Amino acid sequence: MTVSDVVVIAAGILTIINLVDKVANIFKQANSPTEARLTSIEATLIRIDQQISNHDKTLETHAGFFDNDKRRLDLLETGSRVTSKALLALLGHANAGNNYDEMREAEKELRDYLIAR
């Protein structure tokens, strides 16, 4: 074996190693995300985060609406209760004719309710 044979064999081995390295790099690049894909994923995540933030703001707004509605319904319920007591007092007075204390109490409750409203 001459020196030129050894050089040719060494060059062949280096060429094969270089080829294997290039093939390995191709597979690594195919399996790893590229910058463009990463940028696209980041943009999508930012958009989703903004949508969640918008939904949270909408939820808070609607919660305020529901709180206002509940307060108003509670007031209506209280008014209905006071009105019903006054009607019962009137019916009791109409039937018995002498429920003055009950009438005065119902009148006071109705007046207090209407003034406090």
C-alpha atoms as a PDB file:
ATOM      1  CA  MET A   1       0.000   0.000   0.000  1.00  0.00           C
ATOM      2  CA  THR A   2       1.368   3.297  -1.016  1.00  0.00           C
ATOM      3  CA  VAL A   3       0.905   6.704   0.467  1.00  0.00           C
ATOM      4  CA  SER A   4      -1.485   7.667  -2.293  1.00  0.00           C
ATOM      5  CA  ASP A   5      -3.651   4.611  -1.511  1.00  0.00           C
ATOM      6  CA  VAL A   6      -3.823   5.649   2.147  1.00  0.00           C
ATOM      7  CA  VAL A   7      -4.742   9.206   1.127  1.00  0.00           C
ATOM      8  CA  VAL A   8      -7.489   7.910  -1.178  1.00  0.00           C
ATOM      9  CA  ILE A   9      -8.874   5.654   1.562  1.00  0.00           C
ATOM     10  CA  ALA A  10      -8.739   8.513   4.103  1.00  0.00           C
ATOM     11  CA  ALA A  11     -10.468  10.841   1.632  1.00  0.00           C
ATOM     12  CA  GLY A  12     -13.140   8.189   1.040  1.00  0.00           C
ATOM     13  CA  ILE A  13     -13.701   7.755   4.755  1.00  0.00           C
ATOM     14  CA  LEU A  14     -13.935  11.539   5.260  1.00  0.00           C
ATOM     15  CA  THR A  15     -16.381  11.782   2.363  1.00  0.00           C
ATOM     16  CA  ILE A  16     -18.595   9.072   3.870  1.00  0.00           C
ATOM     17  CA  ILE A  17     -18.457  10.716   7.324  1.00  0.00           C
ATOM     18  CA  ASN A  18     -19.312  14.096   5.765  1.00  0.00           C
ATOM     19  CA  LEU A  19     -22.222  12.526   3.860  1.00  0.00           C
ATOM     20  CA  VAL A  20     -23.584  10.864   7.021  1.00  0.00           C
ATOM     21  CA  ASP A  21     -23.300  14.194   8.872  1.00  0.00           C
ATOM     22  CA  LYS A  22     -25.214  16.027   6.127  1.00  0.00           C
ATOM     23  CA  VAL A  23     -27.990  13.385   6.107  1.00  0.00           C
ATOM     24  CA  ALA A  24     -28.229  13.607   9.913  1.00  0.00           C
ATOM     25  CA  ASN A  25     -28.528  17.421   9.676  1.00  0.00           C
ATOM     26  CA  ILE A  26     -31.333  17.087   7.110  1.00  0.00           C
ATOM     27  CA  PHE A  27     -33.286  14.815   9.463  1.00  0.00           C
ATOM     28  CA  LYS A  28     -32.686  17.163  12.415  1.00  0.00           C
ATOM     29  CA  GLN A  29     -33.955  20.147  10.417  1.00  0.00           C
ATOM     30  CA  ALA A  30     -37.019  18.233   9.259  1.00  0.00           C
ATOM     31  CA  ASN A  31     -37.941  17.327  12.826  1.00  0.00           C
ATOM     32  CA  SER A  32     -37.168  20.632  14.528  1.00  0.00           C
ATOM     33  CA  PRO A  33     -39.443  23.677  14.263  1.00  0.00           C
ATOM     34  CA  THR A  34     -38.159  26.424  12.045  1.00  0.00           C
ATOM     35  CA  GLU A  35     -38.080  30.104  12.918  1.00  0.00           C
ATOM     36  CA  ALA A  36     -41.104  30.736  10.713  1.00  0.00           C
ATOM     37  CA  ARG A  37     -43.114  28.059  12.519  1.00  0.00           C
ATOM     38  CA  LEU A  38     -42.040  29.404  15.904  1.00  0.00           C
ATOM     39  CA  THR A  39     -43.023  32.935  14.903  1.00  0.00           C
ATOM     40  CA  SER A  40     -46.380  31.684  13.674  1.00  0.00           C
ATOM     41  CA  ILE A  41     -46.986  29.794  16.915  1.00  0.00           C
ATOM     42  CA  GLU A  42     -46.027  32.846  18.994  1.00  0.00           C
ATOM     43  CA  ALA A  43     -48.408  35.051  16.985  1.00  0.00           C
ATOM     44  CA  THR A  44     -51.211  32.539  17.500  1.00  0.00           C
ATOM     45  CA  LEU A  45     -50.554  32.420  21.245  1.00  0.00           C
ATOM     46  CA  ILE A  46     -50.600  36.224  21.458  1.00  0.00           C
ATOM     47  CA  ARG A  47     -53.909  36.320  19.558  1.00  0.00           C
ATOM     48  CA  ILE A  48     -55.433  33.676  21.842  1.00  0.00           C
ATOM     49  CA  ASP A  49     -54.237  35.584  24.920  1.00  0.00           C
ATOM     50  CA  GLN A  50     -55.902  38.769  23.617  1.00  0.00           C
ATOM     51  CA  GLN A  51     -59.141  36.884  22.966  1.00  0.00           C
ATOM     52  CA  ILE A  52     -59.112  35.502  26.505  1.00  0.00           C
ATOM     53  CA  SER A  53     -58.512  39.001  27.861  1.00  0.00           C
ATOM     54  CA  ASN A  54     -61.430  40.352  25.810  1.00  0.00           C
ATOM     55  CA  HIS A  55     -63.670  37.543  27.069  1.00  0.00           C
ATOM     56  CA  ASP A  56     -62.678  38.323  30.656  1.00  0.00           C
ATOM     57  CA  LYS A  57     -63.639  41.988  30.172  1.00  0.00           C
ATOM     58  CA  THR A  58     -66.960  40.961  28.630  1.00  0.00           C
ATOM     59  CA  LEU A  59     -67.586  38.583  31.525  1.00  0.00           C
ATOM     60  CA  GLU A  60     -66.955  41.365  34.055  1.00  0.00           C
ATOM     61  CA  THR A  61     -69.338  43.666  32.174  1.00  0.00           C
ATOM     62  CA  HIS A  62     -72.073  41.034  32.124  1.00  0.00           C
ATOM     63  CA  ALA A  63     -71.508  40.254  35.807  1.00  0.00           C
ATOM     64  CA  GLY A  64     -72.187  43.953  36.510  1.00  0.00           C
ATOM     65  CA  PHE A  65     -75.392  43.758  34.483  1.00  0.00           C
ATOM     66  CA  PHE A  66     -76.505  40.685  36.432  1.00  0.00           C
ATOM     67  CA  ASP A  67     -75.764  42.416  39.745  1.00  0.00           C
ATOM     68  CA  ASN A  68     -77.881  45.410  38.690  1.00  0.00           C
ATOM     69  CA  ASP A  69     -80.702  43.109  37.613  1.00  0.00           C
ATOM     70  CA  LYS A  70     -80.589  41.238  40.931  1.00  0.00           C
ATOM     71  CA  ARG A  71     -80.746  44.490  42.906  1.00  0.00           C
ATOM     72  CA  ARG A  72     -83.717  45.637  40.875  1.00  0.00           C
ATOM     73  CA  LEU A  73     -85.520  42.309  41.248  1.00  0.00           C
ATOM     74  CA  ASP A  74     -84.914  42.373  45.009  1.00  0.00           C
ATOM     75  CA  LEU A  75     -86.451  45.859  45.183  1.00  0.00           C
ATOM     76  CA  LEU A  76     -89.443  44.699  43.164  1.00  0.00           C
ATOM     77  CA  GLU A  77     -89.866  41.691  45.449  1.00  0.00           C
ATOM     78  CA  THR A  78     -89.785  43.906  48.549  1.00  0.00           C
ATOM     79  CA  GLY A  79     -92.335  46.264  47.005  1.00  0.00           C
ATOM     80  CA  SER A  80     -94.575  43.366  46.107  1.00  0.00           C
ATOM     81  CA  ARG A  81     -94.402  42.068  49.680  1.00  0.00           C
ATOM     82  CA  VAL A  82     -95.334  45.484  51.144  1.00  0.00           C
ATOM     83  CA  THR A  83     -98.175  45.900  48.648  1.00  0.00           C
ATOM     84  CA  SER A  84     -99.487  42.432  49.482  1.00  0.00           C
ATOM     85  CA  LYS A  85     -99.482  43.242  53.218  1.00  0.00           C
ATOM     86  CA  ALA A  86    -101.408  46.450  52.518  1.00  0.00           C
ATOM     87  CA  LEU A  87    -103.961  44.549  50.439  1.00  0.00           C
ATOM     88  CA  LEU A  88    -104.371  41.962  53.198  1.00  0.00           C
ATOM     89  CA  ALA A  89    -104.943  44.764  55.705  1.00  0.00           C
ATOM     90  CA  LEU A  90    -107.588  46.278  53.432  1.00  0.00           C
ATOM     91  CA  LEU A  91    -109.306  42.929  53.014  1.00  0.00           C
ATOM     92  CA  GLY A  92    -109.228  42.359  56.793  1.00  0.00           C
ATOM     93  CA  HIS A  93    -110.732  45.811  57.355  1.00  0.00           C
ATOM     94  CA  ALA A  94    -113.393  45.226  54.714  1.00  0.00           C
ATOM     95  CA  ASN A  95    -114.344  41.874  56.225  1.00  0.00           C
ATOM     96  CA  ALA A  96    -114.188  42.753  59.926  1.00  0.00           C
ATOM     97  CA  GLY A  97    -114.665  46.499  59.736  1.00  0.00           C
ATOM     98  CA  ASN A  98    -112.557  47.237  62.778  1.00  0.00           C
ATOM     99  CA  ASN A  99    -108.910  46.354  62.034  1.00  0.00           C
ATOM    100  CA  TYR A 100    -107.718  49.923  62.500  1.00  0.00           C
ATOM    101  CA  ASP A 101    -104.397  48.989  64.111  1.00  0.00           C
ATOM    102  CA  GLU A 102    -103.554  46.601  61.276  1.00  0.00           C
ATOM    103  CA  MET A 103    -104.571  49.261  58.713  1.00  0.00           C
ATOM    104  CA  ARG A 104    -102.368  51.889  60.378  1.00  0.00           C
ATOM    105  CA  GLU A 105     -99.406  49.495  60.504  1.00  0.00           C
ATOM    106  CA  ALA A 106     -99.843  48.549  56.816  1.00  0.00           C
ATOM    107  CA  GLU A 107    -100.135  52.232  55.883  1.00  0.00           C
ATOM    108  CA  LYS A 108     -96.923  53.014  57.784  1.00  0.00           C
ATOM    109  CA  GLU A 109     -95.034  50.147  56.064  1.00  0.00           C
ATOM    110  CA  LEU A 110     -96.289  51.217  52.641  1.00  0.00           C
ATOM    111  CA  ARG A 111     -95.389  54.860  53.292  1.00  0.00           C
ATOM    112  CA  ASP A 112     -91.900  53.914  54.579  1.00  0.00           C
ATOM    113  CA  TYR A 113     -91.334  51.748  51.529  1.00  0.00           C
ATOM    114  CA  LEU A 114     -92.462  54.407  49.063  1.00  0.00           C
ATOM    115  CA  ILE A 115     -90.403  57.135  50.762  1.00  0.00           C
ATOM    116  CA  ALA A 116     -87.271  54.949  51.029  1.00  0.00           C
ATOM    117  CA  ARG A 117     -87.465  54.017  47.380  1.00  0.00           C
END
